[in-house]
Amino acid sequence: MFNQLKETSMKNRNQYNTVLFCLIFAFISSCSSDDTSDDLDATNTTEENLIEDAEPNEEEASTSDTGENDDATETDNSSPCNAENSVYNEADGLVMVEFESGQFSDDWELKTQGDNYTGDGYMVWTGDQFLGNPGNGTVTFKLNITTPGTYRFEWRSSVTTGDQGTEHNDSWLRFADADDFFGEKNDSRVYPKDTGKTPNPNGSSKDGWFKIYRSGNDLDFKWNTSTSDNDAHKIYVTFNTPKIYTMEVSARSSGHAIDKFALFSSSWTMNEATADSIDSSAVTCN
């Protein structure tokens, strides 16, 4: 009887141990499964984060594609030089300007006939004639003079209407803010009318404007510039102070064409200053 009870007790203990082992195993398996699930979730989350990091949003992608950033999109507010704000800079006593670079009214026309012009062409006045009334169709040039002194003025012009060198051969010229503006021939000087200075030139002049004409029956472009009818005086301008001065040209005779103009100090000869090898003056914005 005792042995039977002992055997039964041992059997029950074995069953208890078996159940306990199963419970422990089940608990361990459950914990392991939870840890694995957490690891998988963490892994998936990490992968998602990596994907998000690798793929920029639309704004970033757009910026990356265009190569633009906050610095690159800042606006440059500086104005480019144009006909209205250009300043032509004297250098070593010389100014050289293509006349067509100015800002013109509609009756000034850019032409390119022939091959004896420089730059982009030349300007021809095609409107009414203003033989005694300067200030019409006015074009203005700003000249930065850094070397004070007296400069000779010349322009390269031609006659494009008719076949007479004494017709359709002139335009008006004024330097209102220069220290002096005069025509000179040997010991003779003439001044524009209405400036308070005398003597005045033969022929037309008014309000500080000189009538500037070319001579000769060779109608093509050439450097030839004078004032005072039948008593040709060369043109001079005096600048006493380094600064920006204003030059004005206005229409007089229809068909008068102007290609370019030059101002040069006494350190230059006429041939040197008007040579084909001379480049146009440097331009800055005013």
Foldseek 3Di string as FASTA:
>chain_A
DVVVVVVVVVVVVVVVVVVVVVVVVVVVVVVVVVVVVVVVVVVVVVVVVVVPVVDDDPVVVVCVVVVDDPVRPDDDPDDDDAQVFKEFEDDPFKAKWWPVRHDWDPQWDFDAPDDPFDDPGWTFRADDADAADWDARKTKHKYFDPDFFKWFKKFWKFFQDDQAQVALFKWKKAFPPFPAKWFDDPPDIAFAPPPPDDDHAAGHGDDRIFIWGADDRPGHIDIGIAGHPPRGTTIMTGHHDRGMTMMMIGGHGGRMITGMMMIGDPVDDPCRRPPPPDDHGDIDGD
